[in-house]
Amino acid sequence: MAEATRVQYAGPDLVLDRTAHWTLGMQWEPDGSWGMGGIGGSSAWADPARGYTFAYATARLADHDRVDELVEALHACL
C-alpha cells in the first residue's frame, strides 16, 4: 500500500493543465488523500486522515458538481 500511494511524479500535468502528484495510477493530494476522477463526473478516492473511502459512478457525461455536493454532505455528517 505504501508503494502504491507513494508519489512517483510531481510536476506539470499537460492534460489537467495544473501541477499534479501521481502515484501508481492515482492522484495524491497534499492532505494525504488519493484517488482518481473520471471523464463524465465519476470519481473515487480514499481519505486515510478522515477514515473513509468514496466512490461515485454515473452513466452520463457530466461535470463533478454532483460529487462535490455528495462530499459536502458526507463531510457534514462526519
Protein backbone atom coordinates (compact mmCIF):
# COMPACT_ATOMS: atom_id res chain seq x y z
CA MET A 1 0.00 0.00 0.00
CA ALA A 2 2.82 2.39 0.83
CA GLU A 3 4.40 1.93 -2.61
CA ALA A 4 1.06 2.20 -4.43
CA THR A 5 0.33 5.56 -2.79
CA ARG A 6 3.86 6.98 -2.86
CA VAL A 7 4.23 9.93 -5.25
CA GLN A 8 6.07 8.74 -8.35
CA TYR A 9 5.86 12.04 -10.25
CA ALA A 10 5.13 15.59 -9.15
CA GLY A 11 5.00 18.39 -11.66
CA PRO A 12 3.07 19.85 -14.53
CA ASP A 13 0.28 17.73 -16.00
CA LEU A 14 -0.47 18.89 -19.54
CA VAL A 15 -3.87 17.15 -19.69
CA LEU A 16 -5.10 18.61 -16.38
CA ASP A 17 -3.34 21.93 -17.06
CA ARG A 18 -2.05 22.13 -13.49
CA THR A 19 0.56 20.68 -11.18
CA ALA A 20 -0.30 17.12 -10.17
CA HIS A 21 1.16 14.46 -7.90
CA TRP A 22 0.84 10.97 -9.39
CA THR A 23 1.15 7.67 -7.54
CA LEU A 24 0.90 4.34 -9.37
CA GLY A 25 -2.16 5.36 -11.38
CA MET A 26 -3.85 7.69 -8.90
CA GLN A 27 -3.52 11.32 -7.96
CA TRP A 28 -2.20 12.13 -4.50
CA GLU A 29 -3.36 15.29 -2.75
CA PRO A 30 -1.35 17.24 -0.16
CA ASP A 31 -3.94 16.37 2.52
CA GLY A 32 -2.91 12.70 2.15
CA SER A 33 -5.97 11.55 0.19
CA TRP A 34 -5.54 9.75 -3.11
CA GLY A 35 -7.81 8.63 -5.93
CA MET A 36 -8.95 9.38 -9.44
CA GLY A 37 -11.61 11.43 -11.16
CA GLY A 38 -13.03 10.30 -14.45
CA ILE A 39 -14.37 11.87 -17.59
CA GLY A 40 -18.09 12.30 -17.16
CA GLY A 41 -18.18 13.01 -13.43
CA SER A 42 -17.24 9.66 -11.91
CA SER A 43 -14.77 9.74 -9.03
CA ALA A 44 -13.27 7.55 -6.31
CA TRP A 45 -10.71 8.10 -3.58
CA ALA A 46 -9.52 7.24 -0.10
CA ASP A 47 -9.05 9.74 2.71
CA PRO A 48 -6.98 7.99 5.38
CA ALA A 49 -6.94 11.02 7.70
CA ARG A 50 -10.75 11.03 7.89
CA GLY A 51 -11.01 7.25 7.72
CA TYR A 52 -13.25 6.78 4.69
CA THR A 53 -13.33 5.84 1.03
CA PHE A 54 -15.70 7.34 -1.52
CA ALA A 55 -16.86 6.26 -4.96
CA TYR A 56 -19.41 7.70 -7.35
CA ALA A 57 -20.16 6.40 -10.83
CA THR A 58 -22.53 7.94 -13.31
CA ALA A 59 -23.96 6.68 -16.59
CA ARG A 60 -23.99 10.08 -18.26
CA LEU A 61 -21.41 12.68 -19.16
CA ALA A 62 -21.40 15.49 -16.63
CA ASP A 63 -19.05 17.57 -14.57
CA HIS A 64 -18.14 16.86 -10.95
CA ASP A 65 -20.87 19.05 -9.36
CA ARG A 66 -22.77 16.01 -8.04
CA VAL A 67 -19.63 14.60 -6.46
CA ASP A 68 -18.88 17.95 -4.81
CA GLU A 69 -22.38 18.09 -3.28
CA LEU A 70 -22.20 14.50 -2.04
CA VAL A 71 -18.80 15.07 -0.46
CA GLU A 72 -20.02 18.23 1.27
CA ALA A 73 -22.92 16.22 2.75
CA LEU A 74 -20.57 13.41 3.79
CA HIS A 75 -18.15 15.80 5.49
CA ALA A 76 -21.06 17.49 7.31
CA CYS A 77 -22.05 14.06 8.69
CA LEU A 78 -18.52 13.15 9.73
